[in-house]
């Protein structure tokens, strides 16, 4: 069976913690900050841990990074 490929988009946007949970940056911070409220931009900093249902999808895209 051939090797599975890691999705490049997922590799750039997600990372794993030591316990195997998925870290991600908040959505809506890639571009277009001028139209967003300052409160939104301020609160959408740092990273967050994805919930289990979303993490399951991400782990399928990154088979070797766990």
C-alpha atoms as a PDB file:
ATOM      1  CA  UNK A   1       0.000   0.000   0.000  1.00  0.00           C
ATOM      2  CA  UNK A   2       1.432   3.430  -0.901  1.00  0.00           C
ATOM      3  CA  UNK A   3       2.204   6.120   1.629  1.00  0.00           C
ATOM      4  CA  UNK A   4      -0.600   8.478   2.595  1.00  0.00           C
ATOM      5  CA  UNK A   5       0.020  12.152   1.891  1.00  0.00           C
ATOM      6  CA  UNK A   6      -0.231  14.999   4.384  1.00  0.00           C
ATOM      7  CA  UNK A   7      -2.435  17.853   3.176  1.00  0.00           C
ATOM      8  CA  UNK A   8      -0.233  20.946   2.814  1.00  0.00           C
ATOM      9  CA  UNK A   9      -3.013  23.317   3.873  1.00  0.00           C
ATOM     10  CA  UNK A  10      -3.572  21.395   7.115  1.00  0.00           C
ATOM     11  CA  UNK A  11       0.170  21.245   7.787  1.00  0.00           C
ATOM     12  CA  UNK A  12       0.358  25.050   7.681  1.00  0.00           C
ATOM     13  CA  UNK A  13      -2.707  25.720   9.862  1.00  0.00           C
ATOM     14  CA  UNK A  14      -2.708  23.046  12.572  1.00  0.00           C
ATOM     15  CA  UNK A  15      -0.250  21.552  15.037  1.00  0.00           C
ATOM     16  CA  UNK A  16      -0.451  18.919  17.746  1.00  0.00           C
ATOM     17  CA  UNK A  17       0.115  19.182  21.470  1.00  0.00           C
ATOM     18  CA  UNK A  18       2.234  16.630  23.324  1.00  0.00           C
ATOM     19  CA  UNK A  19      -0.919  14.776  24.397  1.00  0.00           C
ATOM     20  CA  UNK A  20      -2.160  14.552  20.788  1.00  0.00           C
ATOM     21  CA  UNK A  21      -4.794  17.276  20.802  1.00  0.00           C
ATOM     22  CA  UNK A  22      -5.018  19.667  17.846  1.00  0.00           C
ATOM     23  CA  UNK A  23      -4.041  23.336  18.157  1.00  0.00           C
ATOM     24  CA  UNK A  24      -5.318  25.934  15.695  1.00  0.00           C
ATOM     25  CA  UNK A  25      -5.465  29.662  15.292  1.00  0.00           C
ATOM     26  CA  UNK A  26      -8.890  31.301  15.433  1.00  0.00           C
ATOM     27  CA  UNK A  27     -10.876  31.620  12.218  1.00  0.00           C
ATOM     28  CA  UNK A  28     -11.274  34.942  10.435  1.00  0.00           C
ATOM     29  CA  UNK A  29      -7.773  36.338  10.972  1.00  0.00           C
ATOM     30  CA  UNK A  30      -6.190  35.684   7.563  1.00  0.00           C
ATOM     31  CA  UNK A  31      -7.108  38.957   5.857  1.00  0.00           C
ATOM     32  CA  UNK A  32      -9.710  41.732   5.826  1.00  0.00           C
ATOM     33  CA  UNK A  33      -9.042  43.064   9.323  1.00  0.00           C
ATOM     34  CA  UNK A  34     -10.270  46.535   8.347  1.00  0.00           C
ATOM     35  CA  UNK A  35     -13.874  45.343   8.144  1.00  0.00           C
ATOM     36  CA  UNK A  36     -13.763  43.425  11.434  1.00  0.00           C
ATOM     37  CA  UNK A  37     -14.473  45.082  14.752  1.00  0.00           C
ATOM     38  CA  UNK A  38     -11.522  45.878  16.989  1.00  0.00           C
ATOM     39  CA  UNK A  39     -13.070  43.663  19.658  1.00  0.00           C
ATOM     40  CA  UNK A  40     -13.081  40.690  17.280  1.00  0.00           C
ATOM     41  CA  UNK A  41      -9.471  41.239  16.245  1.00  0.00           C
ATOM     42  CA  UNK A  42      -8.357  41.615  19.862  1.00  0.00           C
ATOM     43  CA  UNK A  43     -10.158  38.498  21.089  1.00  0.00           C
ATOM     44  CA  UNK A  44      -9.073  36.309  18.168  1.00  0.00           C
ATOM     45  CA  UNK A  45      -5.418  36.123  19.211  1.00  0.00           C
ATOM     46  CA  UNK A  46      -3.313  33.142  20.191  1.00  0.00           C
ATOM     47  CA  UNK A  47      -4.303  29.545  19.601  1.00  0.00           C
ATOM     48  CA  UNK A  48      -7.106  27.271  20.738  1.00  0.00           C
ATOM     49  CA  UNK A  49      -7.665  23.537  21.127  1.00  0.00           C
ATOM     50  CA  UNK A  50     -10.131  22.085  18.623  1.00  0.00           C
ATOM     51  CA  UNK A  51     -13.053  20.025  19.855  1.00  0.00           C
ATOM     52  CA  UNK A  52     -13.016  16.276  19.278  1.00  0.00           C
ATOM     53  CA  UNK A  53     -15.216  16.197  16.172  1.00  0.00           C
ATOM     54  CA  UNK A  54     -13.092  18.797  14.364  1.00  0.00           C
ATOM     55  CA  UNK A  55      -9.842  17.226  15.565  1.00  0.00           C
ATOM     56  CA  UNK A  56     -10.912  13.896  14.069  1.00  0.00           C
ATOM     57  CA  UNK A  57     -11.145  15.513  10.618  1.00  0.00           C
ATOM     58  CA  UNK A  58      -7.757  17.224  10.949  1.00  0.00           C
ATOM     59  CA  UNK A  59      -6.036  14.006  12.048  1.00  0.00           C
ATOM     60  CA  UNK A  60      -7.227  12.347   8.839  1.00  0.00           C
ATOM     61  CA  UNK A  61      -5.373  15.013   6.826  1.00  0.00           C
ATOM     62  CA  UNK A  62      -2.143  14.680   8.841  1.00  0.00           C
ATOM     63  CA  UNK A  63      -1.517  10.948   9.196  1.00  0.00           C
ATOM     64  CA  UNK A  64       2.171  11.093  10.211  1.00  0.00           C
ATOM     65  CA  UNK A  65       2.277  14.144  12.484  1.00  0.00           C
ATOM     66  CA  UNK A  66       0.698  12.604  15.567  1.00  0.00           C
END
